[in-house]
Amino acid sequence: MGVKVHLLKRVAGPDGNWPAGSTIEVDQAQADALVAGGAAELIDSMVPFVAEADVKAPAEAGEAQAKAKKETAVEKPSGKKEKAVEG
């Protein structure tokens, strides 16, 4: 069974040619060589740790998004509301 890697650089060889950003499956030796050379990172290393307390239920997430939308609305002199543009 192979190891999945996320390519950071374009990789070409006898088995194919893959652009940066691709996810490919290679054997462990190839994965180690790609990672050591800075051309790839292991997929498992990309999974961030999320504390259980940071995970919100879908209803809570929807409420937070609705609140954020209300907070970004600004009133124009004409009385119409317009979204604030941050930049």
PDB file of N, CA and C in Angstrom:
ATOM      1  N   MET A   1       0.843  -1.181   0.000  1.00  0.00           N
ATOM      2  CA  MET A   1       0.000   0.000   0.000  1.00  0.00           C
ATOM      3  C   MET A   1       0.882   1.236   0.000  1.00  0.00           C
ATOM      4  N   GLY A   2       0.500   2.234  -0.766  1.00  0.00           N
ATOM      5  CA  GLY A   2       1.301   3.437  -0.909  1.00  0.00           C
ATOM      6  C   GLY A   2       0.994   4.493   0.140  1.00  0.00           C
ATOM      7  N   VAL A   3       1.749   5.554   0.049  1.00  0.00           N
ATOM      8  CA  VAL A   3       1.620   6.691   0.958  1.00  0.00           C
ATOM      9  C   VAL A   3       1.155   7.878   0.124  1.00  0.00           C
ATOM     10  N   LYS A   4       0.153   8.606   0.608  1.00  0.00           N
ATOM     11  CA  LYS A   4      -0.319   9.785  -0.111  1.00  0.00           C
ATOM     12  C   LYS A   4       0.497  10.996   0.302  1.00  0.00           C
ATOM     13  N   VAL A   5       0.902  11.778  -0.724  1.00  0.00           N
ATOM     14  CA  VAL A   5       1.646  13.011  -0.489  1.00  0.00           C
ATOM     15  C   VAL A   5       0.997  14.147  -1.271  1.00  0.00           C
ATOM     16  N   HIS A   6       1.142  15.351  -0.745  1.00  0.00           N
ATOM     17  CA  HIS A   6       0.668  16.569  -1.400  1.00  0.00           C
ATOM     18  C   HIS A   6       1.905  17.245  -1.986  1.00  0.00           C
ATOM     19  N   LEU A   7       1.894  17.444  -3.299  1.00  0.00           N
ATOM     20  CA  LEU A   7       3.069  18.009  -3.960  1.00  0.00           C
ATOM     21  C   LEU A   7       3.140  19.518  -3.796  1.00  0.00           C
ATOM     22  N   LEU A   8       4.286  19.997  -3.372  1.00  0.00           N
ATOM     23  CA  LEU A   8       4.540  21.426  -3.225  1.00  0.00           C
ATOM     24  C   LEU A   8       5.205  21.992  -4.474  1.00  0.00           C
ATOM     25  N   LYS A   9       5.817  21.103  -5.252  1.00  0.00           N
ATOM     26  CA  LYS A   9       6.504  21.483  -6.495  1.00  0.00           C
ATOM     27  C   LYS A   9       6.098  20.490  -7.585  1.00  0.00           C
ATOM     28  N   ARG A  10       6.318  20.862  -8.836  1.00  0.00           N
ATOM     29  CA  ARG A  10       6.052  19.948  -9.947  1.00  0.00           C
ATOM     30  C   ARG A  10       7.026  18.782  -9.859  1.00  0.00           C
ATOM     31  N   VAL A  11       6.504  17.586 -10.094  1.00  0.00           N
ATOM     32  CA  VAL A  11       7.328  16.378 -10.040  1.00  0.00           C
ATOM     33  C   VAL A  11       7.141  15.619 -11.352  1.00  0.00           C
ATOM     34  N   ALA A  12       8.257  15.216 -11.955  1.00  0.00           N
ATOM     35  CA  ALA A  12       8.218  14.455 -13.200  1.00  0.00           C
ATOM     36  C   ALA A  12       9.163  13.270 -13.088  1.00  0.00           C
ATOM     37  N   GLY A  13       8.765  12.191 -13.695  1.00  0.00           N
ATOM     38  CA  GLY A  13       9.596  10.998 -13.690  1.00  0.00           C
ATOM     39  C   GLY A  13       9.070  10.000 -14.688  1.00  0.00           C
ATOM     40  N   PRO A  14       9.617   8.795 -14.682  1.00  0.00           N
ATOM     41  CA  PRO A  14       9.202   7.788 -15.652  1.00  0.00           C
ATOM     42  C   PRO A  14       7.740   7.358 -15.488  1.00  0.00           C
ATOM     43  N   ASP A  15       7.177   7.564 -14.302  1.00  0.00           N
ATOM     44  CA  ASP A  15       5.784   7.161 -14.061  1.00  0.00           C
ATOM     45  C   ASP A  15       4.781   8.258 -14.361  1.00  0.00           C
ATOM     46  N   GLY A  16       5.255   9.469 -14.647  1.00  0.00           N
ATOM     47  CA  GLY A  16       4.317  10.546 -14.956  1.00  0.00           C
ATOM     48  C   GLY A  16       4.858  11.922 -14.630  1.00  0.00           C
ATOM     49  N   ASN A  17       3.973  12.916 -14.804  1.00  0.00           N
ATOM     50  CA  ASN A  17       4.308  14.311 -14.579  1.00  0.00           C
ATOM     51  C   ASN A  17       3.144  14.934 -13.823  1.00  0.00           C
ATOM     52  N   TRP A  18       3.385  15.478 -12.610  1.00  0.00           N
ATOM     53  CA  TRP A  18       2.317  16.006 -11.775  1.00  0.00           C
ATOM     54  C   TRP A  18       2.614  17.451 -11.401  1.00  0.00           C
ATOM     55  N   PRO A  19       1.622  18.333 -11.520  1.00  0.00           N
ATOM     56  CA  PRO A  19       1.831  19.736 -11.148  1.00  0.00           C
ATOM     57  C   PRO A  19       1.797  19.922  -9.634  1.00  0.00           C
ATOM     58  N   ALA A  20       2.354  21.032  -9.175  1.00  0.00           N
ATOM     59  CA  ALA A  20       2.282  21.379  -7.755  1.00  0.00           C
ATOM     60  C   ALA A  20       0.815  21.451  -7.346  1.00  0.00           C
ATOM     61  N   GLY A  21       0.517  21.017  -6.144  1.00  0.00           N
ATOM     62  CA  GLY A  21      -0.863  21.009  -5.648  1.00  0.00           C
ATOM     63  C   GLY A  21      -1.545  19.670  -5.819  1.00  0.00           C
ATOM     64  N   SER A  22      -0.931  18.755  -6.573  1.00  0.00           N
ATOM     65  CA  SER A  22      -1.507  17.439  -6.792  1.00  0.00           C
ATOM     66  C   SER A  22      -1.335  16.566  -5.555  1.00  0.00           C
ATOM     67  N   THR A  23      -2.220  15.607  -5.415  1.00  0.00           N
ATOM     68  CA  THR A  23      -2.092  14.588  -4.387  1.00  0.00           C
ATOM     69  C   THR A  23      -1.876  13.271  -5.116  1.00  0.00           C
ATOM     70  N   ILE A  24      -0.774  12.597  -4.789  1.00  0.00           N
ATOM     71  CA  ILE A  24      -0.464  11.337  -5.454  1.00  0.00           C
ATOM     72  C   ILE A  24      -0.137  10.275  -4.409  1.00  0.00           C
ATOM     73  N   GLU A  25      -0.198   9.035  -4.833  1.00  0.00           N
ATOM     74  CA  GLU A  25       0.153   7.922  -3.963  1.00  0.00           C
ATOM     75  C   GLU A  25       1.429   7.282  -4.490  1.00  0.00           C
ATOM     76  N   VAL A  26       2.434   7.190  -3.621  1.00  0.00           N
ATOM     77  CA  VAL A  26       3.730   6.619  -3.988  1.00  0.00           C
ATOM     78  C   VAL A  26       4.158   5.645  -2.903  1.00  0.00           C
ATOM     79  N   ASP A  27       5.216   4.869  -3.171  1.00  0.00           N
ATOM     80  CA  ASP A  27       5.697   3.961  -2.129  1.00  0.00           C
ATOM     81  C   ASP A  27       6.442   4.759  -1.057  1.00  0.00           C
ATOM     82  N   GLN A  28       6.698   4.140   0.070  1.00  0.00           N
ATOM     83  CA  GLN A  28       7.297   4.834   1.216  1.00  0.00           C
ATOM     84  C   GLN A  28       8.649   5.457   0.886  1.00  0.00           C
ATOM     85  N   ALA A  29       9.479   4.755   0.118  1.00  0.00           N
ATOM     86  CA  ALA A  29      10.802   5.275  -0.234  1.00  0.00           C
ATOM     87  C   ALA A  29      10.683   6.549  -1.072  1.00  0.00           C
ATOM     88  N   GLN A  30       9.758   6.553  -2.052  1.00  0.00           N
ATOM     89  CA  GLN A  30       9.557   7.742  -2.879  1.00  0.00           C
ATOM     90  C   GLN A  30       8.998   8.891  -2.040  1.00  0.00           C
ATOM     91  N   ALA A  31       8.067   8.571  -1.145  1.00  0.00           N
ATOM     92  CA  ALA A  31       7.493   9.598  -0.274  1.00  0.00           C
ATOM     93  C   ALA A  31       8.576  10.238   0.584  1.00  0.00           C
ATOM     94  N   ASP A  32       9.443   9.413   1.164  1.00  0.00           N
ATOM     95  CA  ASP A  32      10.525   9.926   1.987  1.00  0.00           C
ATOM     96  C   ASP A  32      11.454  10.834   1.176  1.00  0.00           C
ATOM     97  N   ALA A  33      11.763  10.429  -0.061  1.00  0.00           N
ATOM     98  CA  ALA A  33      12.654  11.218  -0.917  1.00  0.00           C
ATOM     99  C   ALA A  33      12.005  12.550  -1.300  1.00  0.00           C
ATOM    100  N   LEU A  34      10.712  12.541  -1.643  1.00  0.00           N
ATOM    101  CA  LEU A  34      10.012  13.771  -2.014  1.00  0.00           C
ATOM    102  C   LEU A  34       9.929  14.746  -0.835  1.00  0.00           C
ATOM    103  N   VAL A  35       9.632  14.212   0.343  1.00  0.00           N
ATOM    104  CA  VAL A  35       9.541  15.051   1.549  1.00  0.00           C
ATOM    105  C   VAL A  35      10.918  15.606   1.910  1.00  0.00           C
ATOM    106  N   ALA A  36      11.941  14.766   1.876  1.00  0.00           N
ATOM    107  CA  ALA A  36      13.302  15.205   2.212  1.00  0.00           C
ATOM    108  C   ALA A  36      13.784  16.282   1.244  1.00  0.00           C
ATOM    109  N   GLY A  37      13.373  16.191  -0.015  1.00  0.00           N
ATOM    110  CA  GLY A  37      13.776  17.165  -1.025  1.00  0.00           C
ATOM    111  C   GLY A  37      12.931  18.427  -1.034  1.00  0.00           C
ATOM    112  N   GLY A  38      11.898  18.493  -0.177  1.00  0.00           N
ATOM    113  CA  GLY A  38      11.051  19.676  -0.107  1.00  0.00           C
ATOM    114  C   GLY A  38      10.021  19.774  -1.211  1.00  0.00           C
ATOM    115  N   ALA A  39       9.817  18.672  -1.949  1.00  0.00           N
ATOM    116  CA  ALA A  39       8.871  18.693  -3.061  1.00  0.00           C
ATOM    117  C   ALA A  39       7.467  18.273  -2.645  1.00  0.00           C
ATOM    118  N   ALA A  40       7.330  17.689  -1.442  1.00  0.00           N
ATOM    119  CA  ALA A  40       6.027  17.190  -1.017  1.00  0.00           C
ATOM    120  C   ALA A  40       5.941  17.159   0.500  1.00  0.00           C
ATOM    121  N   GLU A  41       4.705  17.008   0.974  1.00  0.00           N
ATOM    122  CA  GLU A  41       4.480  16.773   2.394  1.00  0.00           C
ATOM    123  C   GLU A  41       3.474  15.641   2.528  1.00  0.00           C
ATOM    124  N   LEU A  42       3.625  14.874   3.579  1.00  0.00           N
ATOM    125  CA  LEU A  42       2.714  13.759   3.801  1.00  0.00           C
ATOM    126  C   LEU A  42       1.322  14.291   4.074  1.00  0.00           C
ATOM    127  N   ILE A  43       0.318  13.616   3.551  1.00  0.00           N
ATOM    128  CA  ILE A  43      -1.061  14.037   3.759  1.00  0.00           C
ATOM    129  C   ILE A  43      -1.399  14.002   5.245  1.00  0.00           C
ATOM    130  N   ASP A  44      -0.966  12.974   5.955  1.00  0.00           N
ATOM    131  CA  ASP A  44      -1.268  12.866   7.377  1.00  0.00           C
ATOM    132  C   ASP A  44      -0.731  14.050   8.160  1.00  0.00           C
ATOM    133  N   SER A  45       0.373  14.643   7.718  1.00  0.00           N
ATOM    134  CA  SER A  45       0.951  15.768   8.442  1.00  0.00           C
ATOM    135  C   SER A  45       0.156  17.049   8.209  1.00  0.00           C
ATOM    136  N   MET A  46      -0.764  17.033   7.219  1.00  0.00           N
ATOM    137  CA  MET A  46      -1.548  18.218   6.913  1.00  0.00           C
ATOM    138  C   MET A  46      -2.832  18.288   7.738  1.00  0.00           C
ATOM    139  N   VAL A  47      -3.201  17.225   8.434  1.00  0.00           N
ATOM    140  CA  VAL A  47      -4.448  17.209   9.191  1.00  0.00           C
ATOM    141  C   VAL A  47      -4.225  17.949  10.504  1.00  0.00           C
ATOM    142  N   PRO A  48      -4.873  19.102  10.685  1.00  0.00           N
ATOM    143  CA  PRO A  48      -4.651  19.859  11.914  1.00  0.00           C
ATOM    144  C   PRO A  48      -5.376  19.231  13.089  1.00  0.00           C
ATOM    145  N   PHE A  49      -4.835  19.427  14.263  1.00  0.00           N
ATOM    146  CA  PHE A  49      -5.493  18.966  15.480  1.00  0.00           C
ATOM    147  C   PHE A  49      -6.563  19.983  15.832  1.00  0.00           C
ATOM    148  N   VAL A  50      -7.783  19.505  16.039  1.00  0.00           N
ATOM    149  CA  VAL A  50      -8.880  20.373  16.424  1.00  0.00           C
ATOM    150  C   VAL A  50      -9.382  19.903  17.777  1.00  0.00           C
ATOM    151  N   ALA A  51      -9.281  20.778  18.759  1.00  0.00           N
ATOM    152  CA  ALA A  51      -9.760  20.432  20.093  1.00  0.00           C
ATOM    153  C   ALA A  51     -11.274  20.281  20.048  1.00  0.00           C
ATOM    154  N   GLU A  52     -11.796  19.363  20.818  1.00  0.00           N
ATOM    155  CA  GLU A  52     -13.236  19.105  20.823  1.00  0.00           C
ATOM    156  C   GLU A  52     -14.013  20.365  21.175  1.00  0.00           C
ATOM    157  N   ALA A  53     -13.464  21.213  22.028  1.00  0.00           N
ATOM    158  CA  ALA A  53     -14.138  22.442  22.433  1.00  0.00           C
ATOM    159  C   ALA A  53     -14.254  23.433  21.278  1.00  0.00           C
ATOM    160  N   ASP A  54     -13.395  23.322  20.259  1.00  0.00           N
ATOM    161  CA  ASP A  54     -13.425  24.234  19.115  1.00  0.00           C
ATOM    162  C   ASP A  54     -14.457  23.842  18.063  1.00  0.00           C
ATOM    163  N   VAL A  55     -15.003  22.648  18.163  1.00  0.00           N
ATOM    164  CA  VAL A  55     -15.958  22.158  17.178  1.00  0.00           C
ATOM    165  C   VAL A  55     -17.351  22.639  17.567  1.00  0.00           C
ATOM    166  N   LYS A  56     -18.025  23.322  16.642  1.00  0.00           N
ATOM    167  CA  LYS A  56     -19.365  23.834  16.915  1.00  0.00           C
ATOM    168  C   LYS A  56     -20.397  22.981  16.195  1.00  0.00           C
ATOM    169  N   ALA A  57     -21.553  22.873  16.798  1.00  0.00           N
ATOM    170  CA  ALA A  57     -22.666  22.176  16.159  1.00  0.00           C
ATOM    171  C   ALA A  57     -23.109  23.010  14.954  1.00  0.00           C
ATOM    172  N   PRO A  58     -23.701  22.394  13.925  1.00  0.00           N
ATOM    173  CA  PRO A  58     -24.118  23.146  12.740  1.00  0.00           C
ATOM    174  C   PRO A  58     -25.015  24.340  13.063  1.00  0.00           C
ATOM    175  N   ALA A  59     -25.931  24.206  14.026  1.00  0.00           N
ATOM    176  CA  ALA A  59     -26.820  25.321  14.377  1.00  0.00           C
ATOM    177  C   ALA A  59     -26.021  26.481  14.949  1.00  0.00           C
ATOM    178  N   GLU A  60     -25.039  26.195  15.795  1.00  0.00           N
ATOM    179  CA  GLU A  60     -24.218  27.246  16.388  1.00  0.00           C
ATOM    180  C   GLU A  60     -23.391  27.951  15.317  1.00  0.00           C
ATOM    181  N   ALA A  61     -22.884  27.197  14.374  1.00  0.00           N
ATOM    182  CA  ALA A  61     -22.080  27.780  13.302  1.00  0.00           C
ATOM    183  C   ALA A  61     -22.937  28.705  12.447  1.00  0.00           C
ATOM    184  N   GLY A  62     -24.165  28.310  12.141  1.00  0.00           N
ATOM    185  CA  GLY A  62     -25.075  29.137  11.349  1.00  0.00           C
ATOM    186  C   GLY A  62     -25.425  30.430  12.062  1.00  0.00           C
ATOM    187  N   GLU A  63     -25.640  30.346  13.369  1.00  0.00           N
ATOM    188  CA  GLU A  63     -25.952  31.539  14.153  1.00  0.00           C
ATOM    189  C   GLU A  63     -24.766  32.495  14.163  1.00  0.00           C
ATOM    190  N   ALA A  64     -23.565  31.958  14.281  1.00  0.00           N
ATOM    191  CA  ALA A  64     -22.362  32.796  14.285  1.00  0.00           C
ATOM    192  C   ALA A  64     -22.192  33.505  12.946  1.00  0.00           C
ATOM    193  N   GLN A  65     -22.489  32.810  11.842  1.00  0.00           N
ATOM    194  CA  GLN A  65     -22.375  33.421  10.521  1.00  0.00           C
ATOM    195  C   GLN A  65     -23.408  34.523  10.349  1.00  0.00           C
ATOM    196  N   ALA A  66     -24.643  34.296  10.815  1.00  0.00           N
ATOM    197  CA  ALA A  66     -25.695  35.306  10.706  1.00  0.00           C
ATOM    198  C   ALA A  66     -25.322  36.541  11.514  1.00  0.00           C
ATOM    199  N   LYS A  67     -24.766  36.348  12.703  1.00  0.00           N
ATOM    200  CA  LYS A  67     -24.357  37.466  13.544  1.00  0.00           C
ATOM    201  C   LYS A  67     -23.244  38.260  12.866  1.00  0.00           C
ATOM    202  N   ALA A  68     -22.295  37.561  12.255  1.00  0.00           N
ATOM    203  CA  ALA A  68     -21.192  38.241  11.578  1.00  0.00           C
ATOM    204  C   ALA A  68     -21.705  39.080  10.413  1.00  0.00           C
ATOM    205  N   LYS A  69     -22.695  38.577   9.669  1.00  0.00           N
ATOM    206  CA  LYS A  69     -23.259  39.338   8.552  1.00  0.00           C
ATOM    207  C   LYS A  69     -23.926  40.611   9.049  1.00  0.00           C
ATOM    208  N   LYS A  70     -24.664  40.525  10.159  1.00  0.00           N
ATOM    209  CA  LYS A  70     -25.334  41.696  10.713  1.00  0.00           C
ATOM    210  C   LYS A  70     -24.319  42.738  11.153  1.00  0.00           C
ATOM    211  N   GLU A  71     -23.208  42.296  11.717  1.00  0.00           N
ATOM    212  CA  GLU A  71     -22.196  43.223  12.211  1.00  0.00           C
ATOM    213  C   GLU A  71     -21.460  43.937  11.090  1.00  0.00           C
ATOM    214  N   THR A  72     -21.432  43.357   9.890  1.00  0.00           N
ATOM    215  CA  THR A  72     -20.715  43.994   8.784  1.00  0.00           C
ATOM    216  C   THR A  72     -21.613  44.904   7.957  1.00  0.00           C
ATOM    217  N   ALA A  73     -22.913  44.952   8.269  1.00  0.00           N
ATOM    218  CA  ALA A  73     -23.811  45.835   7.527  1.00  0.00           C
ATOM    219  C   ALA A  73     -23.667  47.257   8.056  1.00  0.00           C
ATOM    220  N   VAL A  74     -23.580  48.234   7.154  1.00  0.00           N
ATOM    221  CA  VAL A  74     -23.497  49.641   7.539  1.00  0.00           C
ATOM    222  C   VAL A  74     -24.642  50.385   6.870  1.00  0.00           C
ATOM    223  N   GLU A  75     -25.078  51.463   7.480  1.00  0.00           N
ATOM    224  CA  GLU A  75     -26.193  52.215   6.934  1.00  0.00           C
ATOM    225  C   GLU A  75     -25.681  53.396   6.121  1.00  0.00           C
ATOM    226  N   LYS A  76     -26.215  53.540   4.916  1.00  0.00           N
ATOM    227  CA  LYS A  76     -25.866  54.666   4.052  1.00  0.00           C
ATOM    228  C   LYS A  76     -26.739  55.862   4.436  1.00  0.00           C
ATOM    229  N   PRO A  77     -26.327  57.062   4.064  1.00  0.00           N
ATOM    230  CA  PRO A  77     -27.135  58.247   4.380  1.00  0.00           C
ATOM    231  C   PRO A  77     -28.566  58.154   3.852  1.00  0.00           C
ATOM    232  N   SER A  78     -28.771  57.425   2.767  1.00  0.00           N
ATOM    233  CA  SER A  78     -30.102  57.290   2.198  1.00  0.00           C
ATOM    234  C   SER A  78     -30.984  56.345   2.997  1.00  0.00           C
ATOM    235  N   GLY A  79     -30.397  55.683   3.999  1.00  0.00           N
ATOM    236  CA  GLY A  79     -31.169  54.768   4.818  1.00  0.00           C
ATOM    237  C   GLY A  79     -31.041  53.311   4.362  1.00  0.00           C
ATOM    238  N   LYS A  80     -30.411  53.091   3.216  1.00  0.00           N
ATOM    239  CA  LYS A  80     -30.221  51.731   2.721  1.00  0.00           C
ATOM    240  C   LYS A  80     -29.009  51.109   3.388  1.00  0.00           C
ATOM    241  N   LYS A  81     -29.076  49.822   3.616  1.00  0.00           N
ATOM    242  CA  LYS A  81     -27.936  49.130   4.215  1.00  0.00           C
ATOM    243  C   LYS A  81     -27.027  48.599   3.125  1.00  0.00           C
ATOM    244  N   GLU A  82     -25.743  48.635   3.389  1.00  0.00           N
ATOM    245  CA  GLU A  82     -24.742  48.158   2.449  1.00  0.00           C
ATOM    246  C   GLU A  82     -23.667  47.426   3.247  1.00  0.00           C
ATOM    247  N   LYS A  83     -23.143  46.360   2.686  1.00  0.00           N
ATOM    248  CA  LYS A  83     -22.083  45.627   3.387  1.00  0.00           C
ATOM    249  C   LYS A  83     -20.803  46.452   3.419  1.00  0.00           C
ATOM    250  N   ALA A  84     -20.149  46.424   4.573  1.00  0.00           N
ATOM    251  CA  ALA A  84     -18.876  47.139   4.708  1.00  0.00           C
ATOM    252  C   ALA A  84     -17.807  46.396   3.942  1.00  0.00           C
ATOM    253  N   VAL A  85     -16.945  47.111   3.301  1.00  0.00           N
ATOM    254  CA  VAL A  85     -15.843  46.506   2.555  1.00  0.00           C
ATOM    255  C   VAL A  85     -14.577  46.723   3.361  1.00  0.00           C
ATOM    256  N   GLU A  86     -13.977  45.609   3.756  1.00  0.00           N
ATOM    257  CA  GLU A  86     -12.742  45.700   4.517  1.00  0.00           C
ATOM    258  C   GLU A  86     -11.572  45.505   3.574  1.00  0.00           C
ATOM    259  N   GLY A  87     -10.511  46.186   3.802  1.00  0.00           N
ATOM    260  CA  GLY A  87      -9.403  45.984   2.887  1.00  0.00           C
ATOM    261  C   GLY A  87      -8.195  46.651   3.277  1.00  0.00           C
TER     262      GLY A  87
END
